[in-house]
Amino acid sequence: MSRDIEYEKQNIAYCNSHKEFGIKCKNYKLCKDILPEWWFNCKGCYLCTNCHMLFGTWGTQQYIGEGILDFQDNLQCPICLKIKLCVTDPRCNHKICIDCFKKSNYKKGKCGLCRLL
């Protein structure tokens, strides 16, 4: 992956834990992680370690992918039935809201909708 200067300019944020400005993770809507400015030079991507491990090429799970999740706004979550910002689960392509995704993916390692079906 080559450096994306335009992405960096549009996604600068202040990180309270590091007390400096950094660049938002490509999955910031989900993880809320801000990367230090040196991150790309060291890692070669715009994904935090958690997103890279869970959704990226480190893939110790069944799914091994690019790591950048697909977000869509104003969709009805099939689990909680609320209209929210939804994320596409990379393993099964179900679109569920971020809250339901976090509950099912981080705790059970499986899509909440797949468990219901």
N, C-alpha and C. Protein backbone atom coordinates (compact mmCIF):
# COMPACT_ATOMS: atom_id res chain seq x y z
N MET A 1 0.85 -1.17 0.00
CA MET A 1 0.00 0.00 0.00
C MET A 1 0.90 1.24 0.00
N SER A 2 0.61 2.16 -0.87
CA SER A 2 1.38 3.39 -0.91
C SER A 2 0.75 4.43 0.01
N ARG A 3 1.54 5.37 0.41
CA ARG A 3 1.09 6.42 1.32
C ARG A 3 -0.01 7.25 0.67
N ASP A 4 -1.09 7.51 1.39
CA ASP A 4 -2.24 8.28 0.90
C ASP A 4 -2.27 9.63 1.62
N ILE A 5 -1.59 10.60 1.07
CA ILE A 5 -1.46 11.92 1.67
C ILE A 5 -2.83 12.59 1.82
N GLU A 6 -3.71 12.41 0.85
CA GLU A 6 -5.04 13.01 0.90
C GLU A 6 -5.84 12.43 2.08
N TYR A 7 -5.77 11.12 2.29
CA TYR A 7 -6.44 10.49 3.43
C TYR A 7 -5.89 11.06 4.74
N GLU A 8 -4.59 11.20 4.82
CA GLU A 8 -3.96 11.72 6.03
C GLU A 8 -4.44 13.14 6.34
N LYS A 9 -4.51 13.99 5.31
CA LYS A 9 -4.94 15.38 5.50
C LYS A 9 -6.39 15.45 6.00
N GLN A 10 -7.25 14.58 5.48
CA GLN A 10 -8.68 14.62 5.81
C GLN A 10 -9.03 13.90 7.11
N ASN A 11 -8.09 13.15 7.68
CA ASN A 11 -8.39 12.34 8.85
C ASN A 11 -7.44 12.58 10.02
N ILE A 12 -7.04 13.81 10.22
CA ILE A 12 -6.21 14.17 11.36
C ILE A 12 -7.10 14.34 12.59
N ALA A 13 -6.66 13.80 13.70
CA ALA A 13 -7.41 13.90 14.95
C ALA A 13 -6.43 13.95 16.12
N TYR A 14 -6.90 14.47 17.24
CA TYR A 14 -6.06 14.56 18.43
C TYR A 14 -6.25 13.31 19.28
N CYS A 15 -5.15 12.71 19.68
CA CYS A 15 -5.18 11.51 20.50
C CYS A 15 -4.86 11.90 21.95
N ASN A 16 -5.83 11.77 22.83
CA ASN A 16 -5.63 12.12 24.24
C ASN A 16 -4.60 11.23 24.92
N SER A 17 -4.57 9.96 24.59
CA SER A 17 -3.64 9.05 25.26
C SER A 17 -2.18 9.33 24.89
N HIS A 18 -1.92 9.74 23.66
CA HIS A 18 -0.55 10.06 23.24
C HIS A 18 -0.24 11.55 23.32
N LYS A 19 -1.26 12.36 23.58
CA LYS A 19 -1.11 13.82 23.68
C LYS A 19 -0.47 14.43 22.44
N GLU A 20 -0.94 13.95 21.27
CA GLU A 20 -0.45 14.47 20.00
C GLU A 20 -1.49 14.21 18.91
N PHE A 21 -1.29 14.86 17.79
CA PHE A 21 -2.18 14.63 16.65
C PHE A 21 -1.74 13.37 15.92
N GLY A 22 -2.71 12.69 15.33
CA GLY A 22 -2.44 11.49 14.56
C GLY A 22 -3.45 11.34 13.45
N ILE A 23 -3.50 10.15 12.88
CA ILE A 23 -4.36 9.85 11.74
C ILE A 23 -5.35 8.77 12.17
N LYS A 24 -6.62 8.97 11.81
CA LYS A 24 -7.66 8.00 12.18
C LYS A 24 -7.43 6.67 11.47
N CYS A 25 -7.69 5.59 12.19
CA CYS A 25 -7.69 4.25 11.60
C CYS A 25 -8.75 4.22 10.49
N LYS A 26 -8.54 3.43 9.46
CA LYS A 26 -9.52 3.33 8.37
C LYS A 26 -10.87 2.81 8.87
N ASN A 27 -10.88 2.13 10.01
CA ASN A 27 -12.13 1.64 10.62
C ASN A 27 -12.48 2.47 11.86
N TYR A 28 -12.12 3.74 11.85
CA TYR A 28 -12.32 4.62 13.00
C TYR A 28 -13.77 4.62 13.49
N LYS A 29 -14.72 4.50 12.60
CA LYS A 29 -16.14 4.51 12.99
C LYS A 29 -16.44 3.36 13.94
N LEU A 30 -15.66 2.29 13.86
CA LEU A 30 -15.85 1.13 14.72
C LEU A 30 -14.92 1.18 15.94
N CYS A 31 -13.63 1.38 15.71
CA CYS A 31 -12.65 1.22 16.78
C CYS A 31 -12.29 2.51 17.51
N LYS A 32 -12.51 3.66 16.88
CA LYS A 32 -12.19 4.98 17.47
C LYS A 32 -10.70 5.13 17.78
N ASP A 33 -9.84 4.45 17.04
CA ASP A 33 -8.40 4.51 17.30
C ASP A 33 -7.73 5.56 16.42
N ILE A 34 -6.78 6.28 17.01
CA ILE A 34 -6.01 7.29 16.29
C ILE A 34 -4.55 6.83 16.27
N LEU A 35 -3.99 6.78 15.08
CA LEU A 35 -2.63 6.28 14.90
C LEU A 35 -1.63 7.42 14.98
N PRO A 36 -0.46 7.18 15.56
CA PRO A 36 0.59 8.21 15.56
C PRO A 36 1.02 8.52 14.12
N GLU A 37 1.56 9.69 13.91
CA GLU A 37 1.96 10.10 12.55
C GLU A 37 3.00 9.16 11.94
N TRP A 38 3.83 8.54 12.75
CA TRP A 38 4.88 7.64 12.24
C TRP A 38 4.35 6.26 11.86
N TRP A 39 3.08 5.98 12.15
CA TRP A 39 2.50 4.64 12.00
C TRP A 39 2.69 4.06 10.59
N PHE A 40 2.36 4.85 9.57
CA PHE A 40 2.45 4.32 8.20
C PHE A 40 3.87 3.93 7.86
N ASN A 41 4.84 4.73 8.27
CA ASN A 41 6.25 4.41 7.96
C ASN A 41 6.67 3.09 8.59
N CYS A 42 6.10 2.77 9.73
CA CYS A 42 6.45 1.54 10.43
C CYS A 42 5.62 0.35 9.96
N LYS A 43 4.30 0.53 9.84
CA LYS A 43 3.38 -0.58 9.55
C LYS A 43 2.96 -0.70 8.09
N GLY A 44 3.00 0.41 7.35
CA GLY A 44 2.63 0.37 5.93
C GLY A 44 1.15 0.32 5.65
N CYS A 45 0.33 0.69 6.65
CA CYS A 45 -1.13 0.71 6.45
C CYS A 45 -1.75 1.72 7.40
N TYR A 46 -3.05 1.97 7.22
CA TYR A 46 -3.79 2.89 8.06
C TYR A 46 -4.78 2.15 8.96
N LEU A 47 -4.40 0.98 9.41
CA LEU A 47 -5.23 0.18 10.32
C LEU A 47 -4.54 0.06 11.66
N CYS A 48 -5.31 0.24 12.73
CA CYS A 48 -4.76 0.02 14.07
C CYS A 48 -4.45 -1.48 14.21
N THR A 49 -3.70 -1.82 15.23
CA THR A 49 -3.32 -3.22 15.43
C THR A 49 -4.54 -4.12 15.60
N ASN A 50 -5.54 -3.66 16.37
CA ASN A 50 -6.74 -4.50 16.57
C ASN A 50 -7.46 -4.77 15.26
N CYS A 51 -7.70 -3.73 14.45
CA CYS A 51 -8.39 -3.93 13.17
C CYS A 51 -7.56 -4.79 12.23
N HIS A 52 -6.26 -4.60 12.24
CA HIS A 52 -5.39 -5.39 11.38
C HIS A 52 -5.44 -6.86 11.78
N MET A 53 -5.45 -7.12 13.08
CA MET A 53 -5.49 -8.51 13.55
C MET A 53 -6.86 -9.15 13.34
N LEU A 54 -7.93 -8.40 13.61
CA LEU A 54 -9.27 -8.97 13.51
C LEU A 54 -9.79 -9.10 12.08
N PHE A 55 -9.48 -8.11 11.24
CA PHE A 55 -10.08 -8.07 9.91
C PHE A 55 -9.07 -8.07 8.77
N GLY A 56 -7.81 -7.96 9.08
CA GLY A 56 -6.79 -7.78 8.05
C GLY A 56 -6.03 -9.02 7.69
N THR A 57 -4.85 -8.83 7.21
CA THR A 57 -4.05 -9.92 6.65
C THR A 57 -3.37 -10.78 7.71
N TRP A 58 -3.45 -10.41 8.98
CA TRP A 58 -2.90 -11.29 10.02
C TRP A 58 -3.78 -12.51 10.16
N GLY A 59 -5.07 -12.36 9.89
CA GLY A 59 -6.11 -13.37 9.85
C GLY A 59 -5.83 -14.73 10.44
N THR A 60 -5.84 -14.83 11.76
CA THR A 60 -5.75 -16.15 12.38
C THR A 60 -7.12 -16.82 12.39
N GLN A 61 -8.16 -16.04 12.04
CA GLN A 61 -9.51 -16.59 11.99
C GLN A 61 -9.80 -17.13 10.60
N GLN A 62 -11.02 -17.51 10.38
CA GLN A 62 -11.44 -18.05 9.09
C GLN A 62 -11.35 -16.99 8.00
N TYR A 63 -11.66 -15.74 8.34
CA TYR A 63 -11.65 -14.66 7.35
C TYR A 63 -10.28 -14.00 7.31
N ILE A 64 -9.71 -13.91 6.14
CA ILE A 64 -8.49 -13.15 5.94
C ILE A 64 -8.78 -12.17 4.82
N GLY A 65 -8.67 -10.88 5.11
CA GLY A 65 -9.04 -9.89 4.12
C GLY A 65 -8.16 -8.67 4.12
N GLU A 66 -8.67 -7.63 3.54
CA GLU A 66 -7.95 -6.38 3.41
C GLU A 66 -7.93 -5.61 4.72
N GLY A 67 -8.95 -5.78 5.52
CA GLY A 67 -9.00 -5.15 6.83
C GLY A 67 -9.85 -3.90 6.90
N ILE A 68 -10.18 -3.29 5.77
CA ILE A 68 -10.99 -2.08 5.77
C ILE A 68 -12.45 -2.49 5.63
N LEU A 69 -13.23 -2.14 6.65
CA LEU A 69 -14.64 -2.53 6.68
C LEU A 69 -15.50 -1.57 5.88
N ASP A 70 -16.65 -2.06 5.45
CA ASP A 70 -17.61 -1.26 4.67
C ASP A 70 -18.69 -0.75 5.61
N PHE A 71 -18.88 0.59 5.66
CA PHE A 71 -19.88 1.22 6.51
C PHE A 71 -20.96 1.84 5.64
N GLN A 72 -22.22 1.72 6.07
CA GLN A 72 -23.34 2.34 5.37
C GLN A 72 -24.28 2.96 6.40
N ASP A 73 -24.67 4.21 6.14
CA ASP A 73 -25.51 4.93 7.08
C ASP A 73 -27.00 4.74 6.75
N ASN A 74 -27.84 4.93 7.74
CA ASN A 74 -29.30 4.88 7.61
C ASN A 74 -29.84 3.53 7.14
N LEU A 75 -29.29 2.46 7.68
CA LEU A 75 -29.82 1.12 7.41
C LEU A 75 -30.47 0.58 8.67
N GLN A 76 -31.47 -0.27 8.50
CA GLN A 76 -32.10 -0.89 9.66
C GLN A 76 -31.31 -2.13 10.04
N CYS A 77 -30.87 -2.15 11.28
CA CYS A 77 -30.15 -3.32 11.79
C CYS A 77 -31.14 -4.47 11.95
N PRO A 78 -30.85 -5.64 11.39
CA PRO A 78 -31.78 -6.77 11.50
C PRO A 78 -31.82 -7.40 12.89
N ILE A 79 -30.92 -6.97 13.78
CA ILE A 79 -30.91 -7.53 15.13
C ILE A 79 -31.69 -6.64 16.09
N CYS A 80 -31.32 -5.35 16.17
CA CYS A 80 -32.00 -4.45 17.12
C CYS A 80 -33.12 -3.65 16.46
N LEU A 81 -33.22 -3.72 15.13
CA LEU A 81 -34.27 -3.08 14.32
C LEU A 81 -34.23 -1.55 14.33
N LYS A 82 -33.12 -0.96 14.73
CA LYS A 82 -32.98 0.49 14.73
C LYS A 82 -32.28 0.95 13.45
N ILE A 83 -32.62 2.16 13.01
CA ILE A 83 -31.97 2.75 11.83
C ILE A 83 -30.67 3.41 12.32
N LYS A 84 -29.55 2.89 11.87
CA LYS A 84 -28.24 3.35 12.36
C LYS A 84 -27.18 3.21 11.27
N LEU A 85 -25.98 3.62 11.65
CA LEU A 85 -24.80 3.36 10.84
C LEU A 85 -24.49 1.87 10.98
N CYS A 86 -24.39 1.17 9.86
CA CYS A 86 -24.16 -0.27 9.88
C CYS A 86 -22.82 -0.61 9.25
N VAL A 87 -22.29 -1.73 9.65
CA VAL A 87 -21.03 -2.25 9.13
C VAL A 87 -21.30 -3.63 8.53
N THR A 88 -20.61 -3.94 7.45
CA THR A 88 -20.75 -5.24 6.81
C THR A 88 -19.78 -6.22 7.46
N ASP A 89 -20.30 -7.30 8.00
CA ASP A 89 -19.44 -8.32 8.62
C ASP A 89 -18.61 -8.97 7.51
N PRO A 90 -17.30 -8.96 7.63
CA PRO A 90 -16.45 -9.46 6.54
C PRO A 90 -16.55 -10.96 6.30
N ARG A 91 -17.05 -11.72 7.25
CA ARG A 91 -17.12 -13.17 7.07
C ARG A 91 -18.36 -13.63 6.34
N CYS A 92 -19.48 -12.89 6.51
CA CYS A 92 -20.74 -13.37 5.94
C CYS A 92 -21.49 -12.30 5.14
N ASN A 93 -20.99 -11.06 5.14
CA ASN A 93 -21.58 -9.93 4.41
C ASN A 93 -22.92 -9.45 4.95
N HIS A 94 -23.30 -9.85 6.17
CA HIS A 94 -24.49 -9.29 6.79
C HIS A 94 -24.19 -7.87 7.24
N LYS A 95 -25.17 -6.99 7.09
CA LYS A 95 -25.03 -5.59 7.52
C LYS A 95 -25.76 -5.43 8.84
N ILE A 96 -25.01 -5.13 9.90
CA ILE A 96 -25.59 -4.92 11.22
C ILE A 96 -25.00 -3.65 11.82
N CYS A 97 -25.71 -3.05 12.78
CA CYS A 97 -25.23 -1.79 13.37
C CYS A 97 -23.95 -2.04 14.16
N ILE A 98 -23.22 -0.97 14.38
CA ILE A 98 -21.93 -1.07 15.06
C ILE A 98 -22.07 -1.65 16.46
N ASP A 99 -23.11 -1.24 17.19
CA ASP A 99 -23.30 -1.76 18.55
C ASP A 99 -23.50 -3.27 18.55
N CYS A 100 -24.37 -3.76 17.68
CA CYS A 100 -24.61 -5.21 17.58
C CYS A 100 -23.37 -5.94 17.06
N PHE A 101 -22.65 -5.32 16.15
CA PHE A 101 -21.42 -5.91 15.61
C PHE A 101 -20.39 -6.08 16.72
N LYS A 102 -20.22 -5.05 17.54
CA LYS A 102 -19.26 -5.14 18.64
C LYS A 102 -19.66 -6.23 19.63
N LYS A 103 -20.93 -6.29 19.97
CA LYS A 103 -21.39 -7.30 20.92
C LYS A 103 -21.16 -8.71 20.40
N SER A 104 -21.49 -8.93 19.14
CA SER A 104 -21.39 -10.29 18.60
C SER A 104 -19.97 -10.63 18.18
N ASN A 105 -19.28 -9.73 17.52
CA ASN A 105 -17.97 -10.04 16.97
C ASN A 105 -16.90 -10.14 18.04
N TYR A 106 -16.89 -9.23 18.97
CA TYR A 106 -15.84 -9.22 19.97
C TYR A 106 -16.06 -10.27 21.05
N LYS A 107 -17.31 -10.60 21.33
CA LYS A 107 -17.59 -11.56 22.40
C LYS A 107 -17.67 -13.00 21.90
N LYS A 108 -18.31 -13.19 20.77
CA LYS A 108 -18.56 -14.55 20.29
C LYS A 108 -17.72 -14.93 19.07
N GLY A 109 -17.15 -13.93 18.39
CA GLY A 109 -16.36 -14.23 17.21
C GLY A 109 -17.19 -14.66 16.01
N LYS A 110 -18.49 -14.37 16.07
CA LYS A 110 -19.39 -14.78 15.00
C LYS A 110 -20.47 -13.72 14.84
N CYS A 111 -20.94 -13.52 13.63
CA CYS A 111 -21.98 -12.55 13.34
C CYS A 111 -23.23 -12.85 14.17
N GLY A 112 -23.81 -11.80 14.77
CA GLY A 112 -25.01 -11.97 15.58
C GLY A 112 -26.19 -12.48 14.78
N LEU A 113 -26.30 -12.06 13.52
CA LEU A 113 -27.40 -12.53 12.67
C LEU A 113 -27.22 -13.99 12.30
N CYS A 114 -25.99 -14.41 12.02
CA CYS A 114 -25.74 -15.82 11.70
C CYS A 114 -26.10 -16.72 12.88
N ARG A 115 -25.86 -16.24 14.11
CA ARG A 115 -26.22 -17.03 15.29
C ARG A 115 -27.71 -17.15 15.44
N LEU A 116 -28.46 -16.10 15.02
CA LEU A 116 -29.92 -16.13 15.13
C LEU A 116 -30.57 -17.01 14.08
N LEU A 117 -29.94 -17.14 12.91
CA LEU A 117 -30.54 -17.90 11.81
C LEU A 117 -30.37 -19.39 11.98
